[in-house]
Amino acid sequence: MRYQLDLTLRRAEGALARVLGTAERRGFSPVRIDGEAQADGDRWHLRMTVEGQREADNLQQQLAKLYDCLDVRVQPCR
């Protein structure tokens, strides 16, 4: 199943690597990644599509625990 993740991250070195590593350790493979810096320059808005056989609830909870992750929303892709 595919899921769309909308994340707000602190603009910090390694933040993207931590997000990708967390997703992969939870059994999700990134399919598409798109992001942009926010106007204030301190945050990134990241849109990521992942694919996996598991439910995304655990992934959302684990991403929310990351220090760099300020907000995370997960929804199934149509």
PDB file of N, CA and C in Angstrom:
ATOM      1  N   MET A   1       0.836  -1.172   0.000  1.00  0.00           N
ATOM      2  CA  MET A   1       0.000   0.000   0.000  1.00  0.00           C
ATOM      3  C   MET A   1       0.885   1.241   0.000  1.00  0.00           C
ATOM      4  N   ARG A   2       0.434   2.274  -0.650  1.00  0.00           N
ATOM      5  CA  ARG A   2       1.177   3.532  -0.707  1.00  0.00           C
ATOM      6  C   ARG A   2       0.559   4.563   0.223  1.00  0.00           C
ATOM      7  N   TYR A   3       1.443   5.352   0.832  1.00  0.00           N
ATOM      8  CA  TYR A   3       1.023   6.413   1.739  1.00  0.00           C
ATOM      9  C   TYR A   3       1.732   7.704   1.374  1.00  0.00           C
ATOM     10  N   GLN A   4       1.021   8.814   1.559  1.00  0.00           N
ATOM     11  CA  GLN A   4       1.586  10.149   1.367  1.00  0.00           C
ATOM     12  C   GLN A   4       1.906  10.717   2.740  1.00  0.00           C
ATOM     13  N   LEU A   5       3.138  11.122   2.956  1.00  0.00           N
ATOM     14  CA  LEU A   5       3.569  11.733   4.207  1.00  0.00           C
ATOM     15  C   LEU A   5       3.815  13.209   3.964  1.00  0.00           C
ATOM     16  N   ASP A   6       3.262  14.045   4.818  1.00  0.00           N
ATOM     17  CA  ASP A   6       3.530  15.475   4.805  1.00  0.00           C
ATOM     18  C   ASP A   6       4.232  15.802   6.114  1.00  0.00           C
ATOM     19  N   LEU A   7       5.470  16.244   6.018  1.00  0.00           N
ATOM     20  CA  LEU A   7       6.275  16.493   7.205  1.00  0.00           C
ATOM     21  C   LEU A   7       6.773  17.931   7.231  1.00  0.00           C
ATOM     22  N   THR A   8       6.902  18.466   8.425  1.00  0.00           N
ATOM     23  CA  THR A   8       7.585  19.726   8.651  1.00  0.00           C
ATOM     24  C   THR A   8       8.800  19.395   9.488  1.00  0.00           C
ATOM     25  N   LEU A   9       9.984  19.706   8.952  1.00  0.00           N
ATOM     26  CA  LEU A   9      11.242  19.363   9.616  1.00  0.00           C
ATOM     27  C   LEU A   9      12.031  20.611   9.960  1.00  0.00           C
ATOM     28  N   ARG A  10      12.788  20.522  11.046  1.00  0.00           N
ATOM     29  CA  ARG A  10      13.775  21.565  11.323  1.00  0.00           C
ATOM     30  C   ARG A  10      14.835  21.457  10.235  1.00  0.00           C
ATOM     31  N   ARG A  11      15.346  22.576   9.835  1.00  0.00           N
ATOM     32  CA  ARG A  11      16.393  22.571   8.808  1.00  0.00           C
ATOM     33  C   ARG A  11      17.717  22.279   9.507  1.00  0.00           C
ATOM     34  N   ALA A  12      18.038  21.003   9.602  1.00  0.00           N
ATOM     35  CA  ALA A  12      19.235  20.569  10.314  1.00  0.00           C
ATOM     36  C   ALA A  12      19.961  19.506   9.491  1.00  0.00           C
ATOM     37  N   GLU A  13      21.253  19.473   9.657  1.00  0.00           N
ATOM     38  CA  GLU A  13      22.060  18.481   8.950  1.00  0.00           C
ATOM     39  C   GLU A  13      21.635  17.071   9.363  1.00  0.00           C
ATOM     40  N   GLY A  14      21.355  16.218   8.390  1.00  0.00           N
ATOM     41  CA  GLY A  14      20.993  14.841   8.658  1.00  0.00           C
ATOM     42  C   GLY A  14      19.517  14.596   8.900  1.00  0.00           C
ATOM     43  N   ALA A  15      18.695  15.637   8.872  1.00  0.00           N
ATOM     44  CA  ALA A  15      17.265  15.470   9.151  1.00  0.00           C
ATOM     45  C   ALA A  15      16.610  14.545   8.127  1.00  0.00           C
ATOM     46  N   LEU A  16      16.901  14.749   6.853  1.00  0.00           N
ATOM     47  CA  LEU A  16      16.323  13.909   5.811  1.00  0.00           C
ATOM     48  C   LEU A  16      16.800  12.468   5.942  1.00  0.00           C
ATOM     49  N   ALA A  17      18.068  12.275   6.250  1.00  0.00           N
ATOM     50  CA  ALA A  17      18.607  10.920   6.428  1.00  0.00           C
ATOM     51  C   ALA A  17      17.919  10.203   7.583  1.00  0.00           C
ATOM     52  N   ARG A  18      17.627  10.911   8.667  1.00  0.00           N
ATOM     53  CA  ARG A  18      16.935  10.298   9.802  1.00  0.00           C
ATOM     54  C   ARG A  18      15.510   9.905   9.427  1.00  0.00           C
ATOM     55  N   VAL A  19      14.822  10.736   8.661  1.00  0.00           N
ATOM     56  CA  VAL A  19      13.463  10.416   8.221  1.00  0.00           C
ATOM     57  C   VAL A  19      13.475   9.186   7.317  1.00  0.00           C
ATOM     58  N   LEU A  20      14.371   9.171   6.340  1.00  0.00           N
ATOM     59  CA  LEU A  20      14.452   8.031   5.424  1.00  0.00           C
ATOM     60  C   LEU A  20      14.833   6.746   6.155  1.00  0.00           C
ATOM     61  N   GLY A  21      15.783   6.833   7.065  1.00  0.00           N
ATOM     62  CA  GLY A  21      16.195   5.661   7.836  1.00  0.00           C
ATOM     63  C   GLY A  21      15.066   5.110   8.687  1.00  0.00           C
ATOM     64  N   THR A  22      14.308   5.982   9.310  1.00  0.00           N
ATOM     65  CA  THR A  22      13.173   5.552  10.130  1.00  0.00           C
ATOM     66  C   THR A  22      12.132   4.851   9.271  1.00  0.00           C
ATOM     67  N   ALA A  23      11.830   5.414   8.109  1.00  0.00           N
ATOM     68  CA  ALA A  23      10.844   4.796   7.210  1.00  0.00           C
ATOM     69  C   ALA A  23      11.311   3.422   6.748  1.00  0.00           C
ATOM     70  N   GLU A  24      12.569   3.318   6.366  1.00  0.00           N
ATOM     71  CA  GLU A  24      13.079   2.039   5.878  1.00  0.00           C
ATOM     72  C   GLU A  24      13.135   0.990   6.983  1.00  0.00           C
ATOM     73  N   ARG A  25      13.514   1.383   8.195  1.00  0.00           N
ATOM     74  CA  ARG A  25      13.541   0.419   9.308  1.00  0.00           C
ATOM     75  C   ARG A  25      12.145  -0.074   9.676  1.00  0.00           C
ATOM     76  N   ARG A  26      11.117   0.712   9.351  1.00  0.00           N
ATOM     77  CA  ARG A  26       9.735   0.303   9.637  1.00  0.00           C
ATOM     78  C   ARG A  26       9.124  -0.464   8.474  1.00  0.00           C
ATOM     79  N   GLY A  27       9.914  -0.744   7.434  1.00  0.00           N
ATOM     80  CA  GLY A  27       9.445  -1.570   6.332  1.00  0.00           C
ATOM     81  C   GLY A  27       8.828  -0.812   5.173  1.00  0.00           C
ATOM     82  N   PHE A  28       9.121   0.477   5.058  1.00  0.00           N
ATOM     83  CA  PHE A  28       8.568   1.295   3.978  1.00  0.00           C
ATOM     84  C   PHE A  28       9.683   1.734   3.043  1.00  0.00           C
ATOM     85  N   SER A  29       9.411   1.675   1.752  1.00  0.00           N
ATOM     86  CA  SER A  29      10.371   2.105   0.741  1.00  0.00           C
ATOM     87  C   SER A  29       9.927   3.447   0.162  1.00  0.00           C
ATOM     88  N   PRO A  30      10.814   4.423   0.129  1.00  0.00           N
ATOM     89  CA  PRO A  30      10.465   5.711  -0.484  1.00  0.00           C
ATOM     90  C   PRO A  30      10.269   5.548  -1.991  1.00  0.00           C
ATOM     91  N   VAL A  31       9.200   6.121  -2.502  1.00  0.00           N
ATOM     92  CA  VAL A  31       8.900   6.077  -3.926  1.00  0.00           C
ATOM     93  C   VAL A  31       9.134   7.454  -4.545  1.00  0.00           C
ATOM     94  N   ARG A  32       8.787   8.493  -3.791  1.00  0.00           N
ATOM     95  CA  ARG A  32       8.918   9.867  -4.296  1.00  0.00           C
ATOM     96  C   ARG A  32       9.163  10.797  -3.115  1.00  0.00           C
ATOM     97  N   ILE A  33      10.045  11.774  -3.328  1.00  0.00           N
ATOM     98  CA  ILE A  33      10.344  12.775  -2.301  1.00  0.00           C
ATOM     99  C   ILE A  33      10.375  14.142  -2.963  1.00  0.00           C
ATOM    100  N   ASP A  34       9.698  15.091  -2.336  1.00  0.00           N
ATOM    101  CA  ASP A  34       9.682  16.464  -2.828  1.00  0.00           C
ATOM    102  C   ASP A  34       9.674  17.380  -1.614  1.00  0.00           C
ATOM    103  N   GLY A  35      10.450  18.432  -1.655  1.00  0.00           N
ATOM    104  CA  GLY A  35      10.480  19.321  -0.504  1.00  0.00           C
ATOM    105  C   GLY A  35      10.881  20.723  -0.874  1.00  0.00           C
ATOM    106  N   GLU A  36      10.655  21.625   0.074  1.00  0.00           N
ATOM    107  CA  GLU A  36      11.023  23.022  -0.130  1.00  0.00           C
ATOM    108  C   GLU A  36      11.247  23.680   1.222  1.00  0.00           C
ATOM    109  N   ALA A  37      12.091  24.684   1.225  1.00  0.00           N
ATOM    110  CA  ALA A  37      12.331  25.446   2.450  1.00  0.00           C
ATOM    111  C   ALA A  37      11.150  26.373   2.702  1.00  0.00           C
ATOM    112  N   GLN A  38      10.805  26.547   3.966  1.00  0.00           N
ATOM    113  CA  GLN A  38       9.757  27.492   4.339  1.00  0.00           C
ATOM    114  C   GLN A  38      10.309  28.915   4.245  1.00  0.00           C
ATOM    115  N   ALA A  39       9.420  29.878   4.220  1.00  0.00           N
ATOM    116  CA  ALA A  39       9.813  31.283   4.072  1.00  0.00           C
ATOM    117  C   ALA A  39      10.737  31.761   5.188  1.00  0.00           C
ATOM    118  N   ASP A  40      10.571  31.220   6.392  1.00  0.00           N
ATOM    119  CA  ASP A  40      11.407  31.653   7.513  1.00  0.00           C
ATOM    120  C   ASP A  40      12.824  31.088   7.441  1.00  0.00           C
ATOM    121  N   GLY A  41      13.055  30.092   6.571  1.00  0.00           N
ATOM    122  CA  GLY A  41      14.385  29.528   6.385  1.00  0.00           C
ATOM    123  C   GLY A  41      14.819  28.535   7.439  1.00  0.00           C
ATOM    124  N   ASP A  42      14.043  28.351   8.484  1.00  0.00           N
ATOM    125  CA  ASP A  42      14.410  27.434   9.562  1.00  0.00           C
ATOM    126  C   ASP A  42      13.746  26.066   9.446  1.00  0.00           C
ATOM    127  N   ARG A  43      12.819  25.928   8.507  1.00  0.00           N
ATOM    128  CA  ARG A  43      12.071  24.671   8.400  1.00  0.00           C
ATOM    129  C   ARG A  43      11.966  24.237   6.942  1.00  0.00           C
ATOM    130  N   TRP A  44      11.752  22.943   6.769  1.00  0.00           N
ATOM    131  CA  TRP A  44      11.479  22.359   5.462  1.00  0.00           C
ATOM    132  C   TRP A  44      10.088  21.756   5.474  1.00  0.00           C
ATOM    133  N   HIS A  45       9.396  21.836   4.352  1.00  0.00           N
ATOM    134  CA  HIS A  45       8.163  21.092   4.167  1.00  0.00           C
ATOM    135  C   HIS A  45       8.506  19.972   3.197  1.00  0.00           C
ATOM    136  N   LEU A  46       8.309  18.745   3.634  1.00  0.00           N
ATOM    137  CA  LEU A  46       8.687  17.567   2.863  1.00  0.00           C
ATOM    138  C   LEU A  46       7.450  16.737   2.557  1.00  0.00           C
ATOM    139  N   ARG A  47       7.287  16.386   1.291  1.00  0.00           N
ATOM    140  CA  ARG A  47       6.221  15.471   0.873  1.00  0.00           C
ATOM    141  C   ARG A  47       6.896  14.198   0.383  1.00  0.00           C
ATOM    142  N   MET A  48       6.519  13.092   0.965  1.00  0.00           N
ATOM    143  CA  MET A  48       7.164  11.832   0.634  1.00  0.00           C
ATOM    144  C   MET A  48       6.109  10.759   0.434  1.00  0.00           C
ATOM    145  N   THR A  49       6.235   9.998  -0.641  1.00  0.00           N
ATOM    146  CA  THR A  49       5.372   8.850  -0.883  1.00  0.00           C
ATOM    147  C   THR A  49       6.180   7.609  -0.562  1.00  0.00           C
ATOM    148  N   VAL A  50       5.597   6.745   0.261  1.00  0.00           N
ATOM    149  CA  VAL A  50       6.261   5.494   0.636  1.00  0.00           C
ATOM    150  C   VAL A  50       5.360   4.323   0.298  1.00  0.00           C
ATOM    151  N   GLU A  51       5.981   3.171   0.166  1.00  0.00           N
ATOM    152  CA  GLU A  51       5.240   1.955  -0.155  1.00  0.00           C
ATOM    153  C   GLU A  51       5.652   0.877   0.833  1.00  0.00           C
ATOM    154  N   GLY A  52       4.676   0.133   1.327  1.00  0.00           N
ATOM    155  CA  GLY A  52       4.965  -0.946   2.267  1.00  0.00           C
ATOM    156  C   GLY A  52       3.723  -1.768   2.553  1.00  0.00           C
ATOM    157  N   GLN A  53       3.936  -2.914   3.167  1.00  0.00           N
ATOM    158  CA  GLN A  53       2.839  -3.830   3.473  1.00  0.00           C
ATOM    159  C   GLN A  53       2.230  -3.579   4.853  1.00  0.00           C
ATOM    160  N   ARG A  54       2.857  -2.753   5.657  1.00  0.00           N
ATOM    161  CA  ARG A  54       2.389  -2.506   7.017  1.00  0.00           C
ATOM    162  C   ARG A  54       1.480  -1.287   7.068  1.00  0.00           C
ATOM    163  N   GLU A  55       0.753  -1.168   8.169  1.00  0.00           N
ATOM    164  CA  GLU A  55      -0.059   0.027   8.410  1.00  0.00           C
ATOM    165  C   GLU A  55       0.868   1.192   8.758  1.00  0.00           C
ATOM    166  N   ALA A  56       0.462   2.388   8.442  1.00  0.00           N
ATOM    167  CA  ALA A  56       1.325   3.560   8.604  1.00  0.00           C
ATOM    168  C   ALA A  56       1.253   4.187   9.999  1.00  0.00           C
ATOM    169  N   ASP A  57       0.406   3.687  10.879  1.00  0.00           N
ATOM    170  CA  ASP A  57       0.283   4.272  12.219  1.00  0.00           C
ATOM    171  C   ASP A  57       1.612   4.255  12.968  1.00  0.00           C
ATOM    172  N   ASN A  58       2.295   3.116  12.942  1.00  0.00           N
ATOM    173  CA  ASN A  58       3.572   2.997  13.637  1.00  0.00           C
ATOM    174  C   ASN A  58       4.612   3.934  13.035  1.00  0.00           C
ATOM    175  N   LEU A  59       4.626   4.049  11.723  1.00  0.00           N
ATOM    176  CA  LEU A  59       5.563   4.955  11.061  1.00  0.00           C
ATOM    177  C   LEU A  59       5.313   6.396  11.492  1.00  0.00           C
ATOM    178  N   GLN A  60       4.065   6.795  11.533  1.00  0.00           N
ATOM    179  CA  GLN A  60       3.732   8.159  11.951  1.00  0.00           C
ATOM    180  C   GLN A  60       4.194   8.423  13.382  1.00  0.00           C
ATOM    181  N   GLN A  61       3.974   7.476  14.271  1.00  0.00           N
ATOM    182  CA  GLN A  61       4.383   7.643  15.667  1.00  0.00           C
ATOM    183  C   GLN A  61       5.902   7.743  15.795  1.00  0.00           C
ATOM    184  N   GLN A  62       6.622   6.911  15.040  1.00  0.00           N
ATOM    185  CA  GLN A  62       8.081   6.930  15.125  1.00  0.00           C
ATOM    186  C   GLN A  62       8.671   8.212  14.532  1.00  0.00           C
ATOM    187  N   LEU A  63       8.109   8.680  13.432  1.00  0.00           N
ATOM    188  CA  LEU A  63       8.588   9.929  12.848  1.00  0.00           C
ATOM    189  C   LEU A  63       8.325  11.108  13.780  1.00  0.00           C
ATOM    190  N   ALA A  64       7.191  11.102  14.448  1.00  0.00           N
ATOM    191  CA  ALA A  64       6.851  12.185  15.370  1.00  0.00           C
ATOM    192  C   ALA A  64       7.838  12.262  16.542  1.00  0.00           C
ATOM    193  N   LYS A  65       8.504  11.162  16.862  1.00  0.00           N
ATOM    194  CA  LYS A  65       9.474  11.137  17.960  1.00  0.00           C
ATOM    195  C   LYS A  65      10.819  11.749  17.575  1.00  0.00           C
ATOM    196  N   LEU A  66      11.080  11.888  16.291  1.00  0.00           N
ATOM    197  CA  LEU A  66      12.350  12.465  15.857  1.00  0.00           C
ATOM    198  C   LEU A  66      12.434  13.926  16.270  1.00  0.00           C
ATOM    199  N   TYR A  67      13.588  14.326  16.774  1.00  0.00           N
ATOM    200  CA  TYR A  67      13.789  15.700  17.229  1.00  0.00           C
ATOM    201  C   TYR A  67      13.559  16.704  16.098  1.00  0.00           C
ATOM    202  N   ASP A  68      13.999  16.351  14.895  1.00  0.00           N
ATOM    203  CA  ASP A  68      13.898  17.261  13.756  1.00  0.00           C
ATOM    204  C   ASP A  68      12.490  17.367  13.187  1.00  0.00           C
ATOM    205  N   CYS A  69      11.614  16.452  13.526  1.00  0.00           N
ATOM    206  CA  CYS A  69      10.270  16.412  12.952  1.00  0.00           C
ATOM    207  C   CYS A  69       9.309  17.228  13.823  1.00  0.00           C
ATOM    208  N   LEU A  70       8.817  18.325  13.275  1.00  0.00           N
ATOM    209  CA  LEU A  70       7.901  19.193  14.008  1.00  0.00           C
ATOM    210  C   LEU A  70       6.442  18.788  13.821  1.00  0.00           C
ATOM    211  N   ASP A  71       6.129  18.213  12.651  1.00  0.00           N
ATOM    212  CA  ASP A  71       4.756  17.800  12.351  1.00  0.00           C
ATOM    213  C   ASP A  71       4.799  16.702  11.302  1.00  0.00           C
ATOM    214  N   VAL A  72       3.921  15.718  11.437  1.00  0.00           N
ATOM    215  CA  VAL A  72       3.828  14.647  10.442  1.00  0.00           C
ATOM    216  C   VAL A  72       2.374  14.251  10.266  1.00  0.00           C
ATOM    217  N   ARG A  73       1.982  14.135   9.010  1.00  0.00           N
ATOM    218  CA  ARG A  73       0.628  13.657   8.660  1.00  0.00           C
ATOM    219  C   ARG A  73       0.777  12.559   7.635  1.00  0.00           C
ATOM    220  N   VAL A  74       0.018  11.493   7.812  1.00  0.00           N
ATOM    221  CA  VAL A  74       0.074  10.354   6.894  1.00  0.00           C
ATOM    222  C   VAL A  74      -1.342  10.067   6.388  1.00  0.00           C
ATOM    223  N   GLN A  75      -1.442   9.859   5.089  1.00  0.00           N
ATOM    224  CA  GLN A  75      -2.737   9.469   4.513  1.00  0.00           C
ATOM    225  C   GLN A  75      -2.490   8.492   3.379  1.00  0.00           C
ATOM    226  N   PRO A  76      -3.421   7.576   3.161  1.00  0.00           N
ATOM    227  CA  PRO A  76      -3.265   6.628   2.059  1.00  0.00           C
ATOM    228  C   PRO A  76      -3.337   7.349   0.711  1.00  0.00           C
ATOM    229  N   CYS A  77      -2.556   6.877  -0.253  1.00  0.00           N
ATOM    230  CA  CYS A  77      -2.621   7.418  -1.612  1.00  0.00           C
ATOM    231  C   CYS A  77      -3.835   6.841  -2.310  1.00  0.00           C
ATOM    232  N   ARG A  78      -4.374   7.610  -3.214  1.00  0.00           N
ATOM    233  CA  ARG A  78      -5.544   7.154  -3.963  1.00  0.00           C
ATOM    234  C   ARG A  78      -5.134   6.459  -5.223  1.00  0.00           C
TER     235      ARG A  78
END
